[in-house]
Amino acid sequence: MKQSRKRITDAVEIVDRKYGNTQEWDRLVAEEELKVSVGQLVYDLRVESGLSQTRLAGLIGTSQSVISRVESADYEGSALQILARVCMALHRDLSVSRKEGGPVAIAC
C-alpha cells in the first residue's frame, strides 16, 4: 500500500523547508527580526514620549514617512541608525548586544 504524504499548509513551515538551514536564510531572518525589534522600540518610545510620528521626525531631522516605515519594519535603510537618533533626541542611552548564536537585544 502506498503511503500518502501529509500536505503542508503552514506558510512558515513551507518556507523553512524550502530555504531553511542555510547561512543566507539565517542572515535574512536575523535581519528581519532586528527590523521588527527596532520598529517596535521606536514605536514604544514615541508613544511613551507622547509624540506623533511627525513630531518625532522633526526632532531627528527626517520625515514622518521614514518613522512610519521604521515602525512597520518596512525601512530599507539603517533602522538602527534611526533608532540611535531617536534615543539621542529623547536623551536615552542605546544598548545593543548579542550573545553568540542568540538574538539581538536592544534597549533604549
N, C-alpha and C. Protein backbone atom coordinates (compact mmCIF):
# COMPACT_ATOMS: atom_id res chain seq x y z
N MET A 1 0.82 -1.17 0.00
CA MET A 1 0.00 0.00 0.00
C MET A 1 0.87 1.25 0.00
N LYS A 2 0.52 2.21 -0.82
CA LYS A 2 1.27 3.45 -0.94
C LYS A 2 0.88 4.40 0.18
N GLN A 3 1.91 4.95 0.86
CA GLN A 3 1.66 5.88 1.93
C GLN A 3 1.55 7.28 1.35
N SER A 4 0.50 8.00 1.71
CA SER A 4 0.35 9.36 1.20
C SER A 4 1.08 10.33 2.13
N ARG A 5 1.65 11.35 1.53
CA ARG A 5 2.36 12.37 2.30
C ARG A 5 1.36 13.42 2.75
N LYS A 6 1.52 13.86 3.98
CA LYS A 6 0.65 14.89 4.52
C LYS A 6 0.97 16.22 3.82
N ARG A 7 -0.05 16.86 3.35
CA ARG A 7 0.12 18.14 2.68
C ARG A 7 0.41 19.23 3.72
N ILE A 8 1.44 20.00 3.48
CA ILE A 8 1.82 21.07 4.40
C ILE A 8 1.09 22.34 3.98
N THR A 9 0.42 22.96 4.95
CA THR A 9 -0.33 24.19 4.66
C THR A 9 0.18 25.38 5.46
N ASP A 10 1.07 25.15 6.41
CA ASP A 10 1.61 26.23 7.22
C ASP A 10 2.70 26.96 6.42
N ALA A 11 2.50 28.26 6.18
CA ALA A 11 3.42 29.03 5.34
C ALA A 11 4.84 29.04 5.90
N VAL A 12 4.96 29.21 7.20
CA VAL A 12 6.30 29.25 7.80
C VAL A 12 7.01 27.93 7.59
N GLU A 13 6.32 26.83 7.77
CA GLU A 13 6.93 25.52 7.57
C GLU A 13 7.33 25.30 6.11
N ILE A 14 6.49 25.75 5.19
CA ILE A 14 6.80 25.61 3.76
C ILE A 14 8.06 26.40 3.42
N VAL A 15 8.12 27.64 3.85
CA VAL A 15 9.29 28.48 3.56
C VAL A 15 10.52 27.92 4.24
N ASP A 16 10.39 27.48 5.48
CA ASP A 16 11.54 26.93 6.21
C ASP A 16 12.06 25.67 5.54
N ARG A 17 11.16 24.81 5.07
CA ARG A 17 11.62 23.59 4.39
C ARG A 17 12.33 23.90 3.08
N LYS A 18 11.85 24.93 2.40
CA LYS A 18 12.45 25.27 1.11
C LYS A 18 13.77 26.02 1.26
N TYR A 19 13.83 26.95 2.23
CA TYR A 19 15.00 27.82 2.34
C TYR A 19 15.79 27.66 3.63
N GLY A 20 15.26 26.97 4.61
CA GLY A 20 15.89 26.88 5.92
C GLY A 20 17.21 26.15 5.93
N ASN A 21 17.87 26.27 7.05
CA ASN A 21 19.15 25.59 7.30
C ASN A 21 20.27 26.04 6.37
N THR A 22 20.24 27.31 5.97
CA THR A 22 21.37 27.87 5.22
C THR A 22 21.81 29.15 5.91
N GLN A 23 23.05 29.51 5.74
CA GLN A 23 23.56 30.73 6.36
C GLN A 23 22.83 31.96 5.81
N GLU A 24 22.56 31.95 4.53
CA GLU A 24 21.87 33.10 3.92
C GLU A 24 20.47 33.25 4.51
N TRP A 25 19.77 32.14 4.64
CA TRP A 25 18.41 32.19 5.21
C TRP A 25 18.47 32.69 6.65
N ASP A 26 19.40 32.17 7.43
CA ASP A 26 19.54 32.59 8.82
C ASP A 26 19.85 34.08 8.92
N ARG A 27 20.69 34.59 8.00
CA ARG A 27 21.02 36.01 7.98
C ARG A 27 19.79 36.85 7.66
N LEU A 28 19.02 36.42 6.66
CA LEU A 28 17.80 37.16 6.29
C LEU A 28 16.79 37.19 7.43
N VAL A 29 16.62 36.06 8.09
CA VAL A 29 15.69 36.00 9.22
C VAL A 29 16.16 36.92 10.34
N ALA A 30 17.46 36.90 10.64
CA ALA A 30 18.01 37.75 11.70
C ALA A 30 17.82 39.23 11.36
N GLU A 31 18.01 39.60 10.10
CA GLU A 31 17.81 40.99 9.68
C GLU A 31 16.36 41.42 9.87
N GLU A 32 15.44 40.55 9.50
CA GLU A 32 14.02 40.88 9.65
C GLU A 32 13.62 40.96 11.12
N GLU A 33 14.15 40.06 11.93
CA GLU A 33 13.86 40.12 13.37
C GLU A 33 14.38 41.42 13.97
N LEU A 34 15.55 41.86 13.52
CA LEU A 34 16.13 43.12 14.00
C LEU A 34 15.25 44.29 13.60
N LYS A 35 14.78 44.31 12.35
CA LYS A 35 13.90 45.38 11.89
C LYS A 35 12.63 45.45 12.73
N VAL A 36 12.06 44.30 13.01
CA VAL A 36 10.83 44.26 13.82
C VAL A 36 11.10 44.78 15.23
N SER A 37 12.21 44.34 15.82
CA SER A 37 12.55 44.79 17.18
C SER A 37 12.79 46.29 17.22
N VAL A 38 13.52 46.81 16.26
CA VAL A 38 13.80 48.25 16.21
C VAL A 38 12.50 49.02 15.99
N GLY A 39 11.67 48.55 15.07
CA GLY A 39 10.41 49.22 14.80
C GLY A 39 9.52 49.28 16.03
N GLN A 40 9.45 48.18 16.75
CA GLN A 40 8.62 48.15 17.96
C GLN A 40 9.18 49.09 19.02
N LEU A 41 10.49 49.13 19.15
CA LEU A 41 11.12 50.01 20.15
C LEU A 41 10.90 51.48 19.79
N VAL A 42 11.04 51.84 18.52
CA VAL A 42 10.80 53.23 18.11
C VAL A 42 9.35 53.60 18.40
N TYR A 43 8.44 52.71 18.06
CA TYR A 43 7.02 52.96 18.34
C TYR A 43 6.78 53.15 19.84
N ASP A 44 7.30 52.23 20.64
CA ASP A 44 7.11 52.31 22.09
C ASP A 44 7.68 53.61 22.67
N LEU A 45 8.87 53.98 22.24
CA LEU A 45 9.49 55.21 22.72
C LEU A 45 8.68 56.44 22.32
N ARG A 46 8.20 56.44 21.08
CA ARG A 46 7.42 57.57 20.59
C ARG A 46 6.12 57.73 21.38
N VAL A 47 5.40 56.62 21.56
CA VAL A 47 4.14 56.66 22.29
C VAL A 47 4.37 57.04 23.75
N GLU A 48 5.40 56.45 24.36
CA GLU A 48 5.73 56.75 25.76
C GLU A 48 6.04 58.24 25.94
N SER A 49 6.64 58.84 24.92
CA SER A 49 7.01 60.25 24.98
C SER A 49 5.86 61.17 24.55
N GLY A 50 4.76 60.59 24.11
CA GLY A 50 3.61 61.39 23.71
C GLY A 50 3.81 62.15 22.41
N LEU A 51 4.62 61.59 21.52
CA LEU A 51 4.93 62.27 20.26
C LEU A 51 4.19 61.64 19.09
N SER A 52 3.85 62.47 18.13
CA SER A 52 3.32 61.95 16.86
C SER A 52 4.51 61.54 16.00
N GLN A 53 4.24 60.80 14.95
CA GLN A 53 5.33 60.45 14.03
C GLN A 53 5.94 61.71 13.43
N THR A 54 5.11 62.68 13.11
CA THR A 54 5.60 63.92 12.52
C THR A 54 6.51 64.68 13.48
N ARG A 55 6.10 64.76 14.74
CA ARG A 55 6.91 65.48 15.74
C ARG A 55 8.24 64.77 15.98
N LEU A 56 8.21 63.45 16.11
CA LEU A 56 9.45 62.69 16.29
C LEU A 56 10.36 62.87 15.08
N ALA A 57 9.78 62.81 13.91
CA ALA A 57 10.58 63.00 12.69
C ALA A 57 11.27 64.36 12.71
N GLY A 58 10.55 65.40 13.14
CA GLY A 58 11.14 66.72 13.23
C GLY A 58 12.29 66.79 14.22
N LEU A 59 12.16 66.07 15.32
CA LEU A 59 13.22 66.06 16.33
C LEU A 59 14.51 65.43 15.82
N ILE A 60 14.39 64.45 14.93
CA ILE A 60 15.60 63.76 14.47
C ILE A 60 15.99 64.12 13.04
N GLY A 61 15.27 65.07 12.45
CA GLY A 61 15.65 65.55 11.12
C GLY A 61 15.35 64.60 9.99
N THR A 62 14.19 63.97 10.04
CA THR A 62 13.78 63.08 8.95
C THR A 62 12.32 63.35 8.65
N SER A 63 11.71 62.51 7.85
CA SER A 63 10.30 62.70 7.50
C SER A 63 9.40 61.74 8.27
N GLN A 64 8.13 62.09 8.34
CA GLN A 64 7.14 61.23 9.00
C GLN A 64 7.09 59.87 8.33
N SER A 65 7.26 59.83 7.02
CA SER A 65 7.17 58.55 6.31
C SER A 65 8.31 57.61 6.70
N VAL A 66 9.48 58.15 7.02
CA VAL A 66 10.59 57.31 7.49
C VAL A 66 10.23 56.69 8.83
N ILE A 67 9.68 57.48 9.74
CA ILE A 67 9.27 56.96 11.05
C ILE A 67 8.22 55.87 10.85
N SER A 68 7.27 56.11 9.99
CA SER A 68 6.22 55.13 9.72
C SER A 68 6.80 53.82 9.19
N ARG A 69 7.74 53.93 8.24
CA ARG A 69 8.34 52.71 7.66
C ARG A 69 9.18 51.97 8.69
N VAL A 70 9.92 52.70 9.54
CA VAL A 70 10.72 52.05 10.58
C VAL A 70 9.79 51.31 11.54
N GLU A 71 8.72 51.97 11.96
CA GLU A 71 7.79 51.36 12.92
C GLU A 71 7.09 50.13 12.33
N SER A 72 6.91 50.09 11.03
CA SER A 72 6.25 48.93 10.41
C SER A 72 7.26 47.91 9.89
N ALA A 73 8.53 48.09 10.23
CA ALA A 73 9.62 47.17 9.83
C ALA A 73 9.74 47.08 8.31
N ASP A 74 9.43 48.18 7.63
CA ASP A 74 9.49 48.21 6.17
C ASP A 74 10.53 49.21 5.69
N TYR A 75 11.49 49.53 6.52
CA TYR A 75 12.51 50.52 6.19
C TYR A 75 13.72 49.83 5.60
N GLU A 76 14.16 50.29 4.44
CA GLU A 76 15.28 49.65 3.76
C GLU A 76 16.63 50.25 4.15
N GLY A 77 16.62 51.38 4.84
CA GLY A 77 17.86 51.98 5.30
C GLY A 77 18.30 51.35 6.61
N SER A 78 19.14 52.04 7.33
CA SER A 78 19.62 51.53 8.61
C SER A 78 18.65 51.92 9.72
N ALA A 79 17.79 50.99 10.08
CA ALA A 79 16.83 51.24 11.16
C ALA A 79 17.56 51.49 12.48
N LEU A 80 18.69 50.85 12.68
CA LEU A 80 19.47 51.08 13.90
C LEU A 80 19.99 52.52 13.97
N GLN A 81 20.32 53.06 12.82
CA GLN A 81 20.78 54.45 12.79
C GLN A 81 19.63 55.39 13.18
N ILE A 82 18.44 55.11 12.68
CA ILE A 82 17.27 55.91 13.05
C ILE A 82 17.00 55.76 14.55
N LEU A 83 17.09 54.53 15.05
CA LEU A 83 16.87 54.30 16.48
C LEU A 83 17.89 55.08 17.31
N ALA A 84 19.13 55.09 16.90
CA ALA A 84 20.16 55.84 17.63
C ALA A 84 19.81 57.32 17.67
N ARG A 85 19.32 57.85 16.57
CA ARG A 85 18.92 59.26 16.53
C ARG A 85 17.73 59.52 17.44
N VAL A 86 16.78 58.58 17.48
CA VAL A 86 15.61 58.71 18.36
C VAL A 86 16.07 58.71 19.81
N CYS A 87 16.92 57.77 20.17
CA CYS A 87 17.41 57.69 21.55
C CYS A 87 18.14 58.97 21.94
N MET A 88 18.96 59.51 21.06
CA MET A 88 19.68 60.75 21.35
C MET A 88 18.69 61.90 21.54
N ALA A 89 17.69 62.00 20.67
CA ALA A 89 16.72 63.09 20.75
C ALA A 89 15.90 63.02 22.03
N LEU A 90 15.68 61.79 22.53
CA LEU A 90 14.90 61.61 23.76
C LEU A 90 15.78 61.50 25.00
N HIS A 91 17.09 61.77 24.81
CA HIS A 91 18.07 61.74 25.92
C HIS A 91 18.09 60.38 26.61
N ARG A 92 18.15 59.34 25.80
CA ARG A 92 18.19 57.97 26.32
C ARG A 92 19.45 57.29 25.80
N ASP A 93 19.98 56.35 26.58
CA ASP A 93 21.13 55.56 26.14
C ASP A 93 20.65 54.43 25.25
N LEU A 94 21.48 54.05 24.31
CA LEU A 94 21.18 52.93 23.42
C LEU A 94 22.11 51.78 23.74
N SER A 95 21.54 50.61 23.89
CA SER A 95 22.33 49.41 24.16
C SER A 95 21.92 48.32 23.17
N VAL A 96 22.91 47.80 22.46
CA VAL A 96 22.68 46.71 21.52
C VAL A 96 23.66 45.61 21.87
N SER A 97 23.13 44.41 22.10
CA SER A 97 24.01 43.30 22.44
C SER A 97 23.50 42.01 21.80
N ARG A 98 24.40 41.07 21.71
CA ARG A 98 24.04 39.76 21.16
C ARG A 98 24.99 38.72 21.72
N LYS A 99 24.42 37.70 22.30
CA LYS A 99 25.24 36.58 22.75
C LYS A 99 25.42 35.66 21.55
N GLU A 100 26.55 35.01 21.50
CA GLU A 100 26.88 34.15 20.37
C GLU A 100 25.72 33.19 20.05
N GLY A 101 25.26 33.28 18.82
CA GLY A 101 24.17 32.41 18.36
C GLY A 101 22.79 32.82 18.81
N GLY A 102 22.69 33.86 19.63
CA GLY A 102 21.41 34.28 20.15
C GLY A 102 20.85 35.49 19.40
N PRO A 103 19.66 35.91 19.80
CA PRO A 103 19.06 37.08 19.15
C PRO A 103 19.70 38.37 19.62
N VAL A 104 19.50 39.42 18.87
CA VAL A 104 19.99 40.74 19.23
C VAL A 104 19.06 41.32 20.29
N ALA A 105 19.65 41.90 21.33
CA ALA A 105 18.87 42.56 22.38
C ALA A 105 19.11 44.06 22.26
N ILE A 106 18.03 44.84 22.19
CA ILE A 106 18.13 46.28 22.02
C ILE A 106 17.37 46.95 23.14
N ALA A 107 17.97 47.98 23.71
CA ALA A 107 17.31 48.75 24.76
C ALA A 107 17.64 50.21 24.58
N CYS A 108 16.69 51.05 24.92
CA CYS A 108 16.89 52.50 24.80
C CYS A 108 16.18 53.15 25.96
